[in-house]
Amino acid sequence: MGADTHNLLLHIEGLHKRFDDNVVLAGASLDVPRGSLVTVLGRSGTGKSVLLKCLADVIRPDEGIIRFDGRPLNMDDAAARAEFRRRCSFLFQSNALFDSLTALENVALPLEQTTDLSDKEIRERSLEALRQLELDMFQDRYPSQLSGGMQKRLALARAIVTRPELVLFDEPTAGLDPLRRNAVFAMIAKYQRLFGFTALVVTHDLTEALIASDRVALLDKGRMCFEGTPAEFSASTTPVVCDFRDSAAALGSTLAAIRRGEALHSEDS
């Protein structure tokens, strides 16, 4: 394990998942310390979202061990899975907001579905979540009436209203421009520290992840080929890490060679 076992909230060991002949996870392992922001990096299609969906019980892994707060999440242990879902939230890539519900109704929905709170208590907690994310003045608006950034905050408000210990973020910056990517990572880091939840993020946005995260991991060919701090990632000489980390620099070198005519000449030969 890459961290003190007493401080681990989530431990994943040897996770496997295949779809017919397509092997997506081939023994992926990861440690997520309590109270940290951990990011799993990887190219598109490497299985990052499948990893999260295995954790969220959306997809069942073929084999492997998942421990949450020291307790194994066995597929036949319904109580353990239910306890995990109660203490965990999932922020979908698309936000998954309900267009027919107002902002307040969207946030209240998890409380209505998973708690025995009174209508008054649900309203108060939902309004507090909106207030904490500076959205309470928009409580009666529908998602389509909110900006993209506000929709992302609304999705986070819904994710934290149940006061989870772990929040899973599936490609939270997918399709966003650089400024909005920065804003989303800043939002995650800000509220993760404010509310004290543990965050597990999957993304291919390297620069933002290295700045915002406490720890990073790199998923490649179904396995974690690196796990450590952002500084350790930046200093790593592991070839697969270098290929992923230095791809922009490699592109720059290639383009410079093309402009000088070197690459063209080498291809002709």
Protein backbone atom coordinates (compact mmCIF):
# COMPACT_ATOMS: atom_id res chain seq x y z
CA MET A 1 0.00 0.00 0.00
CA GLY A 2 1.12 3.52 -0.77
CA ALA A 3 -0.11 5.10 2.46
CA ASP A 4 -0.57 4.40 6.17
CA THR A 5 -3.31 1.74 6.33
CA HIS A 6 -4.89 3.45 9.33
CA ASN A 7 -5.28 6.64 7.30
CA LEU A 8 -6.75 4.94 4.23
CA LEU A 9 -10.38 5.58 3.42
CA LEU A 10 -10.34 3.56 0.20
CA HIS A 11 -8.11 0.67 -0.85
CA ILE A 12 -8.35 -0.96 -4.30
CA GLU A 13 -6.28 -4.04 -5.03
CA GLY A 14 -6.01 -6.12 -8.20
CA LEU A 15 -9.22 -4.90 -9.85
CA HIS A 16 -10.07 -6.67 -13.12
CA LYS A 17 -12.83 -5.92 -15.61
CA ARG A 18 -13.30 -7.07 -19.18
CA PHE A 19 -16.09 -6.73 -21.70
CA ASP A 20 -16.02 -9.79 -23.97
CA ASP A 21 -12.47 -9.76 -25.39
CA ASN A 22 -11.75 -6.18 -24.33
CA VAL A 23 -9.68 -6.10 -21.13
CA VAL A 24 -10.24 -2.69 -19.49
CA LEU A 25 -8.85 -3.22 -15.99
CA ALA A 26 -6.04 -5.73 -15.56
CA GLY A 27 -5.17 -5.61 -11.88
CA ALA A 28 -5.58 -1.93 -11.05
CA SER A 29 -4.64 -1.00 -7.48
CA LEU A 30 -4.93 2.34 -5.66
CA ASP A 31 -4.82 3.80 -2.15
CA VAL A 32 -6.88 6.88 -1.27
CA PRO A 33 -5.90 8.49 2.07
CA ARG A 34 -8.65 9.96 4.19
CA GLY A 35 -9.22 13.69 3.63
CA SER A 36 -7.13 13.85 0.46
CA LEU A 37 -7.74 14.83 -3.15
CA VAL A 38 -6.48 12.00 -5.35
CA THR A 39 -6.54 12.14 -9.14
CA VAL A 40 -6.31 9.18 -11.51
CA LEU A 41 -4.81 10.28 -14.81
CA GLY A 42 -4.80 8.45 -18.10
CA ARG A 43 -5.47 8.75 -21.77
CA SER A 44 -9.04 8.58 -23.06
CA GLY A 45 -10.31 5.03 -23.15
CA THR A 46 -7.88 3.63 -20.57
CA GLY A 47 -10.64 2.61 -18.14
CA LYS A 48 -10.70 5.52 -15.70
CA SER A 49 -14.50 5.84 -15.75
CA VAL A 50 -14.90 2.06 -15.57
CA LEU A 51 -12.79 2.12 -12.40
CA LEU A 52 -15.13 4.67 -10.82
CA LYS A 53 -18.22 2.79 -11.92
CA CYS A 54 -16.87 -0.36 -10.32
CA LEU A 55 -16.49 1.57 -7.09
CA ALA A 56 -19.99 3.05 -7.35
CA ASP A 57 -21.49 -0.41 -7.99
CA VAL A 58 -22.70 0.67 -11.42
CA ILE A 59 -20.46 -2.02 -12.94
CA ARG A 60 -19.37 -5.16 -11.12
CA PRO A 61 -15.66 -6.00 -11.37
CA ASP A 62 -14.67 -9.50 -12.43
CA GLU A 63 -12.25 -9.82 -9.54
CA GLY A 64 -10.26 -7.76 -7.06
CA ILE A 65 -10.55 -6.25 -3.61
CA ILE A 66 -12.19 -2.96 -2.65
CA ARG A 67 -12.03 -1.84 1.00
CA PHE A 68 -13.82 1.23 2.28
CA ASP A 69 -12.76 2.40 5.74
CA GLY A 70 -11.19 -1.01 6.25
CA ARG A 71 -14.31 -2.99 5.37
CA PRO A 72 -14.30 -5.22 2.26
CA LEU A 73 -17.03 -4.38 -0.26
CA ASN A 74 -17.85 -7.92 -1.27
CA MET A 75 -20.48 -8.32 -3.95
CA ASP A 76 -22.50 -10.64 -1.71
CA ASP A 77 -22.36 -8.28 1.29
CA ALA A 78 -25.40 -6.07 0.67
CA ALA A 79 -25.01 -4.29 4.00
CA ALA A 80 -21.44 -3.22 3.24
CA ARG A 81 -22.43 -1.97 -0.22
CA ALA A 82 -25.37 -0.05 1.22
CA GLU A 83 -23.13 1.52 3.87
CA PHE A 84 -20.66 2.55 1.18
CA ARG A 85 -23.38 4.16 -0.96
CA ARG A 86 -24.66 6.04 2.10
CA ARG A 87 -21.23 7.51 2.77
CA CYS A 88 -20.25 8.15 -0.85
CA SER A 89 -21.46 10.46 -3.65
CA PHE A 90 -20.84 10.35 -7.39
CA LEU A 91 -20.49 13.47 -9.55
CA PHE A 92 -21.22 12.45 -13.12
CA GLN A 93 -19.35 13.79 -16.12
CA SER A 94 -22.57 15.24 -17.56
CA ASN A 95 -23.75 16.56 -14.15
CA ALA A 96 -26.92 14.39 -14.52
CA LEU A 97 -29.20 17.19 -13.35
CA PHE A 98 -32.95 16.80 -13.85
CA ASP A 99 -34.17 19.49 -16.26
CA SER A 100 -37.72 19.30 -14.92
CA LEU A 101 -36.64 20.04 -11.34
CA THR A 102 -35.55 23.37 -9.89
CA ALA A 103 -32.10 23.80 -8.37
CA LEU A 104 -33.55 23.28 -4.90
CA GLU A 105 -35.48 20.18 -5.98
CA ASN A 106 -32.38 18.71 -7.63
CA VAL A 107 -30.37 19.09 -4.42
CA ALA A 108 -33.19 17.76 -2.23
CA LEU A 109 -33.64 14.59 -4.27
CA PRO A 110 -30.86 12.48 -2.65
CA LEU A 111 -32.18 13.34 0.82
CA GLU A 112 -35.72 12.39 -0.20
CA GLN A 113 -34.50 9.06 -1.57
CA THR A 114 -32.01 8.03 1.12
CA THR A 115 -33.12 9.56 4.44
CA ASP A 116 -36.10 9.72 6.76
CA LEU A 117 -35.76 13.48 7.28
CA SER A 118 -38.92 15.60 7.38
CA ASP A 119 -39.80 17.86 4.48
CA LYS A 120 -38.73 20.85 6.57
CA GLU A 121 -35.35 19.32 7.42
CA ILE A 122 -34.75 18.37 3.78
CA ARG A 123 -35.52 21.91 2.65
CA GLU A 124 -33.23 23.43 5.28
CA ARG A 125 -30.32 21.14 4.43
CA SER A 126 -30.81 21.63 0.70
CA LEU A 127 -30.88 25.41 1.06
CA GLU A 128 -27.74 25.25 3.19
CA ALA A 129 -25.94 23.24 0.51
CA LEU A 130 -27.00 25.79 -2.12
CA ARG A 131 -25.89 28.61 0.17
CA GLN A 132 -22.49 27.04 0.72
CA LEU A 133 -21.94 26.91 -3.04
CA GLU A 134 -23.35 30.43 -3.50
CA LEU A 135 -26.45 29.25 -5.38
CA ASP A 136 -29.23 29.91 -2.87
CA MET A 137 -30.45 32.95 -4.82
CA PHE A 138 -31.05 30.65 -7.80
CA GLN A 139 -32.98 27.99 -5.89
CA ASP A 140 -36.10 28.33 -8.07
CA ARG A 141 -34.29 28.26 -11.41
CA TYR A 142 -34.08 25.21 -13.64
CA PRO A 143 -30.70 23.82 -14.80
CA SER A 144 -31.25 25.21 -18.32
CA GLN A 145 -31.45 28.69 -16.79
CA LEU A 146 -28.00 28.37 -15.20
CA SER A 147 -24.56 28.79 -16.73
CA GLY A 148 -22.27 25.80 -17.23
CA GLY A 149 -20.21 26.68 -14.18
CA MET A 150 -23.32 27.11 -12.05
CA GLN A 151 -24.61 23.75 -13.22
CA LYS A 152 -21.35 22.16 -12.12
CA ARG A 153 -21.68 23.80 -8.69
CA LEU A 154 -25.29 22.66 -8.50
CA ALA A 155 -24.23 19.08 -9.22
CA LEU A 156 -21.63 19.38 -6.45
CA ALA A 157 -24.24 20.79 -4.06
CA ARG A 158 -26.40 17.74 -4.74
CA ALA A 159 -23.38 15.47 -4.23
CA ILE A 160 -22.47 16.94 -0.82
CA VAL A 161 -25.96 17.48 0.61
CA THR A 162 -25.89 13.98 2.11
CA ARG A 163 -22.60 14.92 3.81
CA PRO A 164 -20.56 12.14 2.21
CA GLU A 165 -17.09 11.10 3.28
CA LEU A 166 -16.03 10.25 -0.28
CA VAL A 167 -16.98 12.01 -3.54
CA LEU A 168 -16.15 10.40 -6.90
CA PHE A 169 -15.65 12.81 -9.81
CA ASP A 170 -15.92 11.33 -13.31
CA GLU A 171 -14.09 13.56 -15.85
CA PRO A 172 -15.44 16.78 -14.26
CA THR A 173 -13.74 19.01 -16.86
CA ALA A 174 -14.64 17.06 -20.00
CA GLY A 175 -15.36 19.36 -22.94
CA LEU A 176 -14.44 22.55 -21.08
CA ASP A 177 -12.02 25.26 -22.22
CA PRO A 178 -8.83 25.90 -20.17
CA LEU A 179 -10.28 28.70 -18.05
CA ARG A 180 -13.32 26.65 -17.11
CA ARG A 181 -11.13 23.60 -16.39
CA ASN A 182 -9.13 25.73 -13.96
CA ALA A 183 -12.33 26.95 -12.33
CA VAL A 184 -13.69 23.41 -11.88
CA PHE A 185 -10.48 22.09 -10.29
CA ALA A 186 -10.35 25.17 -8.05
CA MET A 187 -13.95 24.49 -7.03
CA ILE A 188 -13.22 20.86 -6.20
CA ALA A 189 -10.11 21.73 -4.18
CA LYS A 190 -11.87 24.58 -2.35
CA TYR A 191 -14.92 22.62 -1.26
CA GLN A 192 -12.99 19.43 -0.57
CA ARG A 193 -11.00 21.34 2.02
CA LEU A 194 -13.99 23.33 3.26
CA PHE A 195 -16.22 20.30 3.86
CA GLY A 196 -13.47 17.79 4.60
CA PHE A 197 -14.59 15.04 2.26
CA THR A 198 -12.16 12.77 0.43
CA ALA A 199 -12.14 13.31 -3.35
CA LEU A 200 -11.25 10.80 -6.05
CA VAL A 201 -11.09 12.41 -9.49
CA VAL A 202 -10.51 10.77 -12.87
CA THR A 203 -9.34 13.01 -15.69
CA HIS A 204 -6.82 13.38 -18.52
CA ASP A 205 -6.21 17.07 -17.69
CA LEU A 206 -2.63 16.81 -16.47
CA THR A 207 -1.67 20.40 -15.64
CA GLU A 208 -4.71 21.15 -13.49
CA ALA A 209 -4.53 17.79 -11.72
CA LEU A 210 -0.89 18.24 -10.71
CA ILE A 211 -1.66 21.64 -9.21
CA ALA A 212 -4.84 20.69 -7.35
CA SER A 213 -4.14 17.13 -6.14
CA ASP A 214 -2.48 15.74 -3.03
CA ARG A 215 -1.67 12.50 -4.84
CA VAL A 216 -1.90 11.33 -8.45
CA ALA A 217 -1.93 7.95 -10.16
CA LEU A 218 -1.52 7.03 -13.82
CA LEU A 219 -3.68 4.28 -15.30
CA ASP A 220 -2.23 2.59 -18.37
CA LYS A 221 -3.14 -0.75 -19.96
CA GLY A 222 -5.46 -1.56 -17.08
CA ARG A 223 -2.93 -1.03 -14.29
CA MET A 224 -1.63 1.83 -12.19
CA CYS A 225 1.87 2.38 -13.51
CA PHE A 226 2.49 5.26 -11.09
CA GLU A 227 1.14 6.38 -7.72
CA GLY A 228 2.60 9.22 -5.67
CA THR A 229 2.71 12.97 -5.10
CA PRO A 230 2.54 15.51 -7.95
CA ALA A 231 6.21 16.34 -7.32
CA GLU A 232 7.16 12.67 -7.63
CA PHE A 233 5.13 12.41 -10.83
CA SER A 234 6.88 15.45 -12.30
CA ALA A 235 10.28 13.97 -11.45
CA SER A 236 9.54 10.39 -12.53
CA THR A 237 11.70 8.84 -15.24
CA THR A 238 9.35 5.89 -15.83
CA PRO A 239 8.88 5.74 -19.62
CA VAL A 240 5.07 5.54 -19.59
CA VAL A 241 4.91 8.50 -17.18
CA CYS A 242 7.30 10.49 -19.36
CA ASP A 243 5.26 9.73 -22.48
CA PHE A 244 2.07 10.99 -20.83
CA ARG A 245 3.60 13.92 -18.97
CA ASP A 246 5.86 15.20 -21.73
CA SER A 247 3.51 14.72 -24.69
CA ALA A 248 3.08 18.47 -25.19
CA ALA A 249 6.84 19.02 -25.21
CA ALA A 250 7.26 16.13 -27.66
CA LEU A 251 4.64 17.69 -29.93
CA GLY A 252 6.48 20.99 -29.78
CA SER A 253 9.73 19.31 -30.77
CA THR A 254 8.03 17.50 -33.65
CA LEU A 255 6.42 20.68 -34.95
CA ALA A 256 9.70 22.57 -34.67
CA ALA A 257 11.39 19.84 -36.72
CA ILE A 258 8.59 19.97 -39.30
CA ARG A 259 9.01 23.74 -39.61
CA ARG A 260 12.73 23.24 -40.17
CA GLY A 261 11.98 20.55 -42.74
CA GLU A 262 13.81 17.88 -40.76
CA ALA A 263 10.82 15.62 -40.16
CA LEU A 264 9.76 15.83 -43.79
CA HIS A 265 13.24 14.89 -45.01
CA SER A 266 13.48 11.99 -42.56
CA GLU A 267 10.11 10.62 -43.75
CA ASP A 268 11.22 10.85 -47.41
CA SER A 269 14.29 8.82 -46.63
